[in-house]
Amino acid sequence: MDIVEQKAIIEAILFAAGKEVEITTLMSALELSHKEVELILGQMRLEYQEKKHGLEIIKVNNCYQMCTKKEYFDYIYPIFDNRVKPSLSSAALETLSIIAYNPKITRAEIDNIRGVSTDGVLYKLQDYNLIEEAGRMDAPGRPTMYRVTNEFLKTFGLKSLDELPELPKIKEEMPEQLEITEIENNENKETTLKDDITSS
């Protein structure tokens, strides 16, 4: 089996699946190693990008999927997709970001971070297939944990959670800095007090 036929088989599998296909599935079908399949897929992805194709191959975690290119969405959506476009409120986006940055987080933990109940928001995000259950925590009551889905990654154009923007770091003052600041404040108070006494 030559490289041309291998590419044709992968193309056929991805097209027929219509969803993410794990690389192990492709390895089994072609009887090739992980490295060999990755190399072929890398070549195919470049070929789809370089030529004027309406399709592309995307990578999501350890899976691959054939899908239409984003620039043709406006032409495709009115014809084939009658679903309501996901409409996410600021509360839903906030909850989604909390889950994305904290995989396997419970509803109570999310509520604690946001300061309000998120029951309704979680149901909506699950309905849009942006989050899913990630097992139960080993704690009293065994609360359900949540994580984002591959659909979340595709929606926001990410290959994995490693591509999430880095959260801004909060600059913390060292104890020494706090001590120096406190001494300076006290000295300023003493100077002001002396000035007040002198002026009076």
Protein backbone atom coordinates (compact mmCIF):
# COMPACT_ATOMS: atom_id res chain seq x y z
CA MET A 1 0.00 0.00 0.00
CA ASP A 2 1.56 3.30 -1.11
CA ILE A 3 1.22 6.75 0.44
CA VAL A 4 -1.46 7.81 -2.07
CA GLU A 5 -3.73 4.93 -1.08
CA GLN A 6 -3.06 5.52 2.63
CA LYS A 7 -4.16 9.13 2.25
CA ALA A 8 -7.26 8.05 0.34
CA ILE A 9 -8.22 5.62 3.12
CA ILE A 10 -7.78 8.24 5.83
CA GLU A 11 -9.79 10.73 3.76
CA ALA A 12 -12.60 8.19 3.30
CA ILE A 13 -12.71 7.33 7.02
CA LEU A 14 -12.78 10.97 8.15
CA PHE A 15 -15.42 11.89 5.59
CA ALA A 16 -17.66 8.93 6.41
CA ALA A 17 -17.34 9.42 10.18
CA GLY A 18 -18.56 13.01 10.16
CA LYS A 19 -17.05 13.51 13.62
CA GLU A 20 -13.74 13.25 15.46
CA VAL A 21 -11.84 10.01 14.82
CA GLU A 22 -9.21 8.88 17.30
CA ILE A 23 -5.77 8.36 15.83
CA THR A 24 -5.75 4.80 17.23
CA THR A 25 -8.69 4.01 14.92
CA LEU A 26 -6.68 5.16 11.91
CA MET A 27 -3.63 3.23 13.13
CA SER A 28 -5.72 0.07 13.32
CA ALA A 29 -7.26 0.56 9.87
CA LEU A 30 -3.91 1.19 8.17
CA GLU A 31 -1.82 -1.06 10.41
CA LEU A 32 0.67 1.78 10.88
CA SER A 33 2.40 3.27 13.90
CA HIS A 34 1.32 6.46 15.66
CA LYS A 35 4.26 8.36 14.16
CA GLU A 36 3.52 7.17 10.62
CA VAL A 37 -0.16 8.14 10.79
CA GLU A 38 0.71 11.53 12.30
CA LEU A 39 3.16 12.13 9.44
CA ILE A 40 0.56 11.28 6.77
CA LEU A 41 -2.08 13.45 8.44
CA GLY A 42 0.38 16.31 8.66
CA GLN A 43 0.98 16.11 4.90
CA MET A 44 -2.76 15.92 4.21
CA ARG A 45 -3.51 18.94 6.36
CA LEU A 46 -0.93 20.99 4.46
CA GLU A 47 -2.35 19.86 1.12
CA TYR A 48 -5.85 20.93 2.11
CA GLN A 49 -4.55 24.30 3.26
CA GLU A 50 -2.46 25.01 0.16
CA LYS A 51 -5.11 24.10 -2.41
CA LYS A 52 -8.49 25.75 -2.90
CA HIS A 53 -10.46 23.13 -0.98
CA GLY A 54 -13.69 23.80 0.84
CA LEU A 55 -12.67 21.21 3.42
CA GLU A 56 -9.91 20.96 5.98
CA ILE A 57 -8.64 18.43 8.52
CA ILE A 58 -8.51 19.68 12.08
CA LYS A 59 -6.89 18.16 15.15
CA VAL A 60 -8.72 18.11 18.48
CA ASN A 61 -6.82 16.55 21.36
CA ASN A 62 -5.80 13.12 20.02
CA CYS A 63 -8.47 13.04 17.34
CA TYR A 64 -8.86 14.27 13.76
CA GLN A 65 -11.93 15.46 11.89
CA MET A 66 -12.71 16.54 8.35
CA CYS A 67 -14.89 19.63 8.25
CA THR A 68 -15.76 22.63 6.10
CA LYS A 69 -13.53 25.68 6.28
CA LYS A 70 -14.74 28.55 8.45
CA GLU A 71 -14.71 31.06 5.58
CA TYR A 72 -17.55 29.17 3.86
CA PHE A 73 -19.81 28.97 6.91
CA ASP A 74 -22.13 31.77 5.74
CA TYR A 75 -22.83 29.84 2.54
CA ILE A 76 -23.44 26.49 4.22
CA TYR A 77 -25.44 27.44 7.30
CA PRO A 78 -28.62 28.80 5.61
CA ILE A 79 -28.93 25.70 3.42
CA PHE A 80 -28.15 22.77 5.68
CA ASP A 81 -28.39 23.86 9.30
CA ASN A 82 -31.75 24.89 10.72
CA ARG A 83 -30.64 24.69 14.33
CA VAL A 84 -30.64 27.76 16.51
CA LYS A 85 -27.17 29.22 16.80
CA PRO A 86 -25.75 28.89 20.31
CA SER A 87 -26.39 32.11 22.19
CA LEU A 88 -24.20 32.35 25.27
CA SER A 89 -24.83 34.95 27.92
CA SER A 90 -22.03 36.57 29.89
CA ALA A 91 -22.89 34.22 32.78
CA ALA A 92 -22.58 31.19 30.47
CA LEU A 93 -19.26 32.39 29.06
CA GLU A 94 -17.96 33.06 32.57
CA THR A 95 -18.99 29.59 33.73
CA LEU A 96 -17.50 28.01 30.61
CA SER A 97 -14.16 29.74 31.17
CA ILE A 98 -14.09 28.58 34.81
CA ILE A 99 -14.61 24.96 33.72
CA ALA A 100 -12.05 25.25 30.91
CA TYR A 101 -9.36 26.47 33.28
CA ASN A 102 -10.39 24.07 36.06
CA PRO A 103 -11.09 20.61 34.57
CA LYS A 104 -13.07 18.28 36.81
CA ILE A 105 -14.64 21.06 38.84
CA THR A 106 -17.94 20.59 40.73
CA ARG A 107 -21.04 22.77 40.59
CA ALA A 108 -20.53 23.86 44.20
CA GLU A 109 -16.98 25.00 43.38
CA ILE A 110 -18.24 26.93 40.35
CA ASP A 111 -20.99 28.53 42.48
CA ASN A 112 -18.38 29.49 45.06
CA ILE A 113 -16.20 31.19 42.43
CA ARG A 114 -19.09 33.03 40.77
CA GLY A 115 -21.03 33.77 43.93
CA VAL A 116 -24.35 32.68 42.40
CA SER A 117 -26.12 29.44 41.46
CA THR A 118 -25.14 28.03 38.06
CA ASP A 119 -27.67 25.20 37.71
CA GLY A 120 -29.46 26.68 34.71
CA VAL A 121 -26.22 27.72 33.03
CA LEU A 122 -24.74 24.22 33.35
CA TYR A 123 -27.82 22.66 31.75
CA LYS A 124 -27.56 25.08 28.83
CA LEU A 125 -23.86 24.41 28.29
CA GLN A 126 -24.52 20.66 28.36
CA ASP A 127 -27.36 21.11 25.88
CA TYR A 128 -24.93 22.85 23.50
CA ASN A 129 -22.44 19.99 24.09
CA LEU A 130 -19.81 22.45 25.33
CA ILE A 131 -19.34 20.68 28.68
CA GLU A 132 -19.80 17.14 29.92
CA GLU A 133 -19.71 15.15 33.13
CA ALA A 134 -16.21 14.04 34.14
CA GLY A 135 -17.04 11.50 36.83
CA ARG A 136 -17.74 12.06 40.51
CA MET A 137 -15.53 13.51 43.19
CA ASP A 138 -14.42 11.22 46.00
CA ALA A 139 -16.08 13.34 48.68
CA PRO A 140 -19.28 13.29 50.76
CA GLY A 141 -22.28 13.18 48.43
CA ARG A 142 -19.96 12.30 45.50
CA PRO A 143 -20.71 15.50 43.56
CA THR A 144 -20.56 15.47 39.76
CA MET A 145 -17.48 17.02 38.15
CA TYR A 146 -17.50 18.84 34.82
CA ARG A 147 -15.05 19.45 31.96
CA VAL A 148 -15.24 21.04 28.52
CA THR A 149 -15.77 18.88 25.43
CA ASN A 150 -14.06 18.57 22.07
CA GLU A 151 -16.97 20.59 20.71
CA PHE A 152 -15.82 23.45 22.96
CA LEU A 153 -12.32 23.21 21.48
CA LYS A 154 -13.66 23.24 17.92
CA THR A 155 -16.03 26.13 18.65
CA PHE A 156 -13.21 28.29 19.97
CA GLY A 157 -10.61 27.10 17.43
CA LEU A 158 -8.37 25.26 19.90
CA LYS A 159 -6.46 22.00 19.43
CA SER A 160 -6.25 21.38 23.17
CA LEU A 161 -6.63 23.17 26.49
CA ASP A 162 -2.90 23.90 26.36
CA GLU A 163 -3.71 26.63 23.84
CA LEU A 164 -5.92 28.56 26.27
CA PRO A 165 -4.61 32.09 26.92
CA GLU A 166 -2.53 32.34 30.07
CA LEU A 167 -4.43 33.88 32.96
CA PRO A 168 -3.04 37.21 34.22
CA LYS A 169 -0.85 36.73 37.27
CA ILE A 170 -1.72 38.58 40.44
CA LYS A 171 1.37 40.31 41.77
CA GLU A 172 1.74 39.46 45.42
CA GLU A 173 3.81 41.57 47.80
CA MET A 174 6.44 39.71 49.74
CA PRO A 175 6.32 39.95 53.55
CA GLU A 176 9.51 42.07 53.40
CA GLN A 177 7.85 44.51 51.02
CA LEU A 178 4.81 44.75 53.24
CA GLU A 179 7.02 45.41 56.25
CA ILE A 180 8.95 48.17 54.44
CA THR A 181 5.70 49.74 53.24
CA GLU A 182 4.31 49.71 56.77
CA ILE A 183 7.49 51.36 58.16
CA GLU A 184 7.35 54.06 55.45
CA ASN A 185 3.69 54.72 56.21
CA ASN A 186 4.44 55.07 59.92
CA GLU A 187 7.32 57.45 59.19
CA ASN A 188 5.08 59.56 56.99
CA LYS A 189 2.45 59.70 59.74
CA GLU A 190 5.08 60.81 62.28
CA THR A 191 6.37 63.52 59.92
CA THR A 192 2.86 64.80 59.31
CA LEU A 193 2.13 64.82 63.06
CA LYS A 194 5.35 66.82 63.77
CA ASP A 195 4.45 69.31 61.04
CA ASP A 196 0.99 69.76 62.54
CA ILE A 197 2.44 70.38 66.02
CA THR A 198 5.04 72.85 64.68
CA SER A 199 2.48 74.77 62.65
CA SER A 200 0.15 75.05 65.61
